[in-house]
Amino acid sequence: MAKAENRGDKREKRSAARLAAVQTLYEMELSGKGVLDAVADFEAHWMGREIEEMEFKPADAGFFREIVSGVVQEQRLVDQKVDAALAKGWPLKRIEAVLRAILRAGAYELIRRQDVPARVAITEYVDVANAFYDGDESGMVNAVLDSIAREVRGDELSKQRA
């Protein structure tokens, strides 16, 4: 029982880390802050706190930091993959800032975090999109990340079908 609870707790903390990473990437884009300042601010003022009736759940801090810094370090590759997966005529720069942060974080995780199953990463970022949007955005996140996953993890996805 304790192991199952531990796995559930780890999943929740990783989910919270993904949401925090998206919020931090968005904030960085708007404010122009660097990775270290943005991560430190988010950890100090938001993570694991309740502010104005909004609860920011405790997150896996190491995973959070890795996603944020990884997206920044790998931004050229990440943006190329996302651009290639988006519909013609809709480059990443035309996508709204929160959605851009979701797509970048999801793409980074698919490209560089082979320890996270592709389907888990896609589902998690669709859930993040649902936290911000009520429309078709989550479907778009699903389609774009699925396309990237098929390119960078085709073997993994074909094994899941078999």
C-alpha atoms as a PDB file:
ATOM      1  CA  MET A   1       0.000   0.000   0.000  1.00  0.00           C
ATOM      2  CA  ALA A   2       2.792   2.425   0.871  1.00  0.00           C
ATOM      3  CA  LYS A   3       4.453   1.909  -2.544  1.00  0.00           C
ATOM      4  CA  ALA A   4       1.198   2.658  -4.372  1.00  0.00           C
ATOM      5  CA  GLU A   5       0.703   5.819  -2.307  1.00  0.00           C
ATOM      6  CA  ASN A   6       4.304   6.795  -2.996  1.00  0.00           C
ATOM      7  CA  ARG A   7       3.780   6.386  -6.767  1.00  0.00           C
ATOM      8  CA  GLY A   8       0.586   8.439  -6.560  1.00  0.00           C
ATOM      9  CA  ASP A   9       2.371  11.151  -4.619  1.00  0.00           C
ATOM     10  CA  LYS A  10       5.221  11.163  -7.157  1.00  0.00           C
ATOM     11  CA  ARG A  11       2.716  11.426 -10.033  1.00  0.00           C
ATOM     12  CA  GLU A  12       0.922  14.338  -8.367  1.00  0.00           C
ATOM     13  CA  LYS A  13       4.195  16.147  -7.717  1.00  0.00           C
ATOM     14  CA  ARG A  14       5.281  15.632 -11.336  1.00  0.00           C
ATOM     15  CA  SER A  15       1.911  16.889 -12.590  1.00  0.00           C
ATOM     16  CA  ALA A  16       2.286  19.961 -10.388  1.00  0.00           C
ATOM     17  CA  ALA A  17       5.851  20.412 -11.689  1.00  0.00           C
ATOM     18  CA  ARG A  18       4.602  20.396 -15.295  1.00  0.00           C
ATOM     19  CA  LEU A  19       1.962  23.007 -14.532  1.00  0.00           C
ATOM     20  CA  ALA A  20       4.521  25.131 -12.657  1.00  0.00           C
ATOM     21  CA  ALA A  21       6.987  24.808 -15.553  1.00  0.00           C
ATOM     22  CA  VAL A  22       4.384  26.049 -18.033  1.00  0.00           C
ATOM     23  CA  GLN A  23       3.513  28.975 -15.762  1.00  0.00           C
ATOM     24  CA  THR A  24       7.199  29.821 -15.336  1.00  0.00           C
ATOM     25  CA  LEU A  25       7.935  29.612 -19.078  1.00  0.00           C
ATOM     26  CA  TYR A  26       4.982  31.916 -19.712  1.00  0.00           C
ATOM     27  CA  GLU A  27       6.188  34.367 -17.066  1.00  0.00           C
ATOM     28  CA  MET A  28       9.708  34.296 -18.521  1.00  0.00           C
ATOM     29  CA  GLU A  29       8.402  35.160 -21.959  1.00  0.00           C
ATOM     30  CA  LEU A  30       6.347  38.082 -20.648  1.00  0.00           C
ATOM     31  CA  SER A  31       8.885  39.462 -18.190  1.00  0.00           C
ATOM     32  CA  GLY A  32      12.145  38.680 -19.938  1.00  0.00           C
ATOM     33  CA  LYS A  33      13.500  37.056 -16.757  1.00  0.00           C
ATOM     34  CA  GLY A  34      16.234  34.481 -17.025  1.00  0.00           C
ATOM     35  CA  VAL A  35      15.859  30.862 -15.964  1.00  0.00           C
ATOM     36  CA  LEU A  36      17.484  31.207 -12.536  1.00  0.00           C
ATOM     37  CA  ASP A  37      15.430  34.246 -11.505  1.00  0.00           C
ATOM     38  CA  ALA A  38      12.152  32.872 -12.830  1.00  0.00           C
ATOM     39  CA  VAL A  39      12.609  29.461 -11.200  1.00  0.00           C
ATOM     40  CA  ALA A  40      13.670  30.998  -7.881  1.00  0.00           C
ATOM     41  CA  ASP A  41      10.688  33.374  -7.902  1.00  0.00           C
ATOM     42  CA  PHE A  42       8.208  30.616  -8.649  1.00  0.00           C
ATOM     43  CA  GLU A  43       9.631  28.305  -6.009  1.00  0.00           C
ATOM     44  CA  ALA A  44       9.757  31.052  -3.382  1.00  0.00           C
ATOM     45  CA  HIS A  45       6.366  32.638  -3.980  1.00  0.00           C
ATOM     46  CA  TRP A  46       4.017  30.111  -5.580  1.00  0.00           C
ATOM     47  CA  MET A  47       4.962  26.448  -5.363  1.00  0.00           C
ATOM     48  CA  GLY A  48       3.143  24.601  -2.584  1.00  0.00           C
ATOM     49  CA  ARG A  49       1.147  27.654  -1.458  1.00  0.00           C
ATOM     50  CA  GLU A  50      -2.408  28.905  -1.525  1.00  0.00           C
ATOM     51  CA  ILE A  51      -2.722  32.409  -2.933  1.00  0.00           C
ATOM     52  CA  GLU A  52      -6.017  34.214  -3.479  1.00  0.00           C
ATOM     53  CA  GLU A  53      -7.977  30.959  -3.077  1.00  0.00           C
ATOM     54  CA  MET A  54      -5.816  29.216  -5.680  1.00  0.00           C
ATOM     55  CA  GLU A  55      -3.834  26.231  -4.466  1.00  0.00           C
ATOM     56  CA  PHE A  56      -0.407  25.620  -5.981  1.00  0.00           C
ATOM     57  CA  LYS A  57       0.317  22.032  -5.073  1.00  0.00           C
ATOM     58  CA  PRO A  58       3.739  20.854  -3.944  1.00  0.00           C
ATOM     59  CA  ALA A  59       5.792  19.932  -6.979  1.00  0.00           C
ATOM     60  CA  ASP A  60       8.817  17.812  -7.768  1.00  0.00           C
ATOM     61  CA  ALA A  61      11.254  20.729  -7.695  1.00  0.00           C
ATOM     62  CA  GLY A  62      14.047  18.947  -9.551  1.00  0.00           C
ATOM     63  CA  PHE A  63      11.699  17.883 -12.356  1.00  0.00           C
ATOM     64  CA  PHE A  64      10.268  21.425 -12.522  1.00  0.00           C
ATOM     65  CA  ARG A  65      13.734  22.975 -12.810  1.00  0.00           C
ATOM     66  CA  GLU A  66      14.800  20.453 -15.437  1.00  0.00           C
ATOM     67  CA  ILE A  67      11.790  21.144 -17.662  1.00  0.00           C
ATOM     68  CA  VAL A  68      12.205  24.920 -17.479  1.00  0.00           C
ATOM     69  CA  SER A  69      15.977  24.934 -18.001  1.00  0.00           C
ATOM     70  CA  GLY A  70      15.739  22.180 -20.618  1.00  0.00           C
ATOM     71  CA  VAL A  71      13.197  24.088 -22.695  1.00  0.00           C
ATOM     72  CA  VAL A  72      15.448  27.153 -22.618  1.00  0.00           C
ATOM     73  CA  GLN A  73      18.639  25.214 -23.419  1.00  0.00           C
ATOM     74  CA  GLU A  74      16.984  23.200 -26.185  1.00  0.00           C
ATOM     75  CA  GLN A  75      14.657  25.940 -27.446  1.00  0.00           C
ATOM     76  CA  ARG A  76      15.875  25.895 -31.038  1.00  0.00           C
ATOM     77  CA  LEU A  77      15.302  22.140 -31.385  1.00  0.00           C
ATOM     78  CA  VAL A  78      12.037  22.244 -29.424  1.00  0.00           C
ATOM     79  CA  ASP A  79      10.677  25.107 -31.533  1.00  0.00           C
ATOM     80  CA  GLN A  80      11.664  23.333 -34.769  1.00  0.00           C
ATOM     81  CA  LYS A  81       9.795  20.191 -33.725  1.00  0.00           C
ATOM     82  CA  VAL A  82       6.711  22.142 -32.649  1.00  0.00           C
ATOM     83  CA  ASP A  83       6.730  24.289 -35.807  1.00  0.00           C
ATOM     84  CA  ALA A  84       6.959  21.162 -37.977  1.00  0.00           C
ATOM     85  CA  ALA A  85       3.980  19.604 -36.152  1.00  0.00           C
ATOM     86  CA  LEU A  86       1.761  22.697 -36.338  1.00  0.00           C
ATOM     87  CA  ALA A  87      -0.619  23.245 -39.246  1.00  0.00           C
ATOM     88  CA  LYS A  88       0.827  25.079 -42.240  1.00  0.00           C
ATOM     89  CA  GLY A  89       0.419  28.808 -41.836  1.00  0.00           C
ATOM     90  CA  TRP A  90       0.441  28.623 -38.031  1.00  0.00           C
ATOM     91  CA  PRO A  91       4.055  28.928 -36.912  1.00  0.00           C
ATOM     92  CA  LEU A  92       4.781  28.736 -33.201  1.00  0.00           C
ATOM     93  CA  LYS A  93       5.277  32.505 -32.993  1.00  0.00           C
ATOM     94  CA  ARG A  94       1.576  32.984 -33.918  1.00  0.00           C
ATOM     95  CA  ILE A  95       0.392  30.744 -31.072  1.00  0.00           C
ATOM     96  CA  GLU A  96      -0.784  32.403 -27.844  1.00  0.00           C
ATOM     97  CA  ALA A  97       1.909  32.561 -25.121  1.00  0.00           C
ATOM     98  CA  VAL A  98       0.428  30.056 -22.625  1.00  0.00           C
ATOM     99  CA  LEU A  99      -0.225  27.539 -25.396  1.00  0.00           C
ATOM    100  CA  ARG A 100       3.304  28.088 -26.683  1.00  0.00           C
ATOM    101  CA  ALA A 101       4.680  27.321 -23.189  1.00  0.00           C
ATOM    102  CA  ILE A 102       2.584  24.128 -22.995  1.00  0.00           C
ATOM    103  CA  LEU A 103       3.764  22.933 -26.413  1.00  0.00           C
ATOM    104  CA  ARG A 104       7.405  23.720 -25.644  1.00  0.00           C
ATOM    105  CA  ALA A 105       7.380  21.926 -22.292  1.00  0.00           C
ATOM    106  CA  GLY A 106       5.591  18.909 -23.755  1.00  0.00           C
ATOM    107  CA  ALA A 107       7.898  18.727 -26.748  1.00  0.00           C
ATOM    108  CA  TYR A 108      10.975  18.990 -24.525  1.00  0.00           C
ATOM    109  CA  GLU A 109       9.760  16.137 -22.360  1.00  0.00           C
ATOM    110  CA  LEU A 110       9.054  13.958 -25.396  1.00  0.00           C
ATOM    111  CA  ILE A 111      12.442  14.707 -26.953  1.00  0.00           C
ATOM    112  CA  ARG A 112      14.707  14.501 -23.895  1.00  0.00           C
ATOM    113  CA  ARG A 113      12.908  12.579 -21.133  1.00  0.00           C
ATOM    114  CA  GLN A 114      12.863   9.044 -22.481  1.00  0.00           C
ATOM    115  CA  ASP A 115      12.142   7.806 -18.933  1.00  0.00           C
ATOM    116  CA  VAL A 116       8.650   9.319 -19.159  1.00  0.00           C
ATOM    117  CA  PRO A 117       6.336   7.285 -21.397  1.00  0.00           C
ATOM    118  CA  ALA A 118       5.215   9.320 -24.408  1.00  0.00           C
ATOM    119  CA  ARG A 119       1.514   8.734 -23.711  1.00  0.00           C
ATOM    120  CA  VAL A 120       1.959   9.942 -20.134  1.00  0.00           C
ATOM    121  CA  ALA A 121       3.681  13.143 -21.260  1.00  0.00           C
ATOM    122  CA  ILE A 122       0.999  13.848 -23.882  1.00  0.00           C
ATOM    123  CA  THR A 123      -1.845  13.224 -21.435  1.00  0.00           C
ATOM    124  CA  GLU A 124      -0.232  15.390 -18.780  1.00  0.00           C
ATOM    125  CA  TYR A 125       0.151  18.383 -21.118  1.00  0.00           C
ATOM    126  CA  VAL A 126      -3.398  17.944 -22.437  1.00  0.00           C
ATOM    127  CA  ASP A 127      -4.462  18.172 -18.783  1.00  0.00           C
ATOM    128  CA  VAL A 128      -2.380  21.340 -18.367  1.00  0.00           C
ATOM    129  CA  ALA A 129      -4.105  22.804 -21.436  1.00  0.00           C
ATOM    130  CA  ASN A 130      -7.481  21.948 -19.890  1.00  0.00           C
ATOM    131  CA  ALA A 131      -6.452  23.897 -16.773  1.00  0.00           C
ATOM    132  CA  PHE A 132      -6.113  27.058 -18.879  1.00  0.00           C
ATOM    133  CA  TYR A 133      -8.601  26.628 -21.725  1.00  0.00           C
ATOM    134  CA  ASP A 134     -12.177  25.481 -22.289  1.00  0.00           C
ATOM    135  CA  GLY A 135     -12.025  25.235 -26.085  1.00  0.00           C
ATOM    136  CA  ASP A 136     -10.230  23.220 -28.720  1.00  0.00           C
ATOM    137  CA  GLU A 137      -6.761  24.018 -27.418  1.00  0.00           C
ATOM    138  CA  SER A 138      -6.379  20.701 -25.601  1.00  0.00           C
ATOM    139  CA  GLY A 139      -7.120  18.855 -28.858  1.00  0.00           C
ATOM    140  CA  MET A 140      -4.466  20.897 -30.601  1.00  0.00           C
ATOM    141  CA  VAL A 141      -1.954  20.137 -27.832  1.00  0.00           C
ATOM    142  CA  ASN A 142      -2.796  16.443 -28.178  1.00  0.00           C
ATOM    143  CA  ALA A 143      -2.364  16.487 -31.966  1.00  0.00           C
ATOM    144  CA  VAL A 144       0.908  18.444 -31.948  1.00  0.00           C
ATOM    145  CA  LEU A 145       2.510  16.396 -29.169  1.00  0.00           C
ATOM    146  CA  ASP A 146       1.300  13.138 -30.724  1.00  0.00           C
ATOM    147  CA  SER A 147       2.934  14.144 -34.005  1.00  0.00           C
ATOM    148  CA  ILE A 148       6.202  14.939 -32.238  1.00  0.00           C
ATOM    149  CA  ALA A 149       6.039  11.670 -30.280  1.00  0.00           C
ATOM    150  CA  ARG A 150       5.565   9.674 -33.495  1.00  0.00           C
ATOM    151  CA  GLU A 151       8.672  11.328 -34.918  1.00  0.00           C
ATOM    152  CA  VAL A 152      10.975  11.084 -31.903  1.00  0.00           C
ATOM    153  CA  ARG A 153       9.540   7.959 -30.229  1.00  0.00           C
ATOM    154  CA  GLY A 154       7.919   6.005 -33.030  1.00  0.00           C
ATOM    155  CA  ASP A 155       9.332   2.698 -31.766  1.00  0.00           C
ATOM    156  CA  GLU A 156       7.856   3.223 -28.301  1.00  0.00           C
ATOM    157  CA  LEU A 157       4.419   4.056 -29.676  1.00  0.00           C
ATOM    158  CA  SER A 158       4.359   1.124 -32.089  1.00  0.00           C
ATOM    159  CA  LYS A 159       5.288  -1.266 -29.224  1.00  0.00           C
ATOM    160  CA  GLN A 160       2.347   0.053 -27.193  1.00  0.00           C
ATOM    161  CA  ARG A 161      -0.064  -0.859 -29.992  1.00  0.00           C
ATOM    162  CA  ALA A 162       1.235  -4.414 -30.398  1.00  0.00           C
END
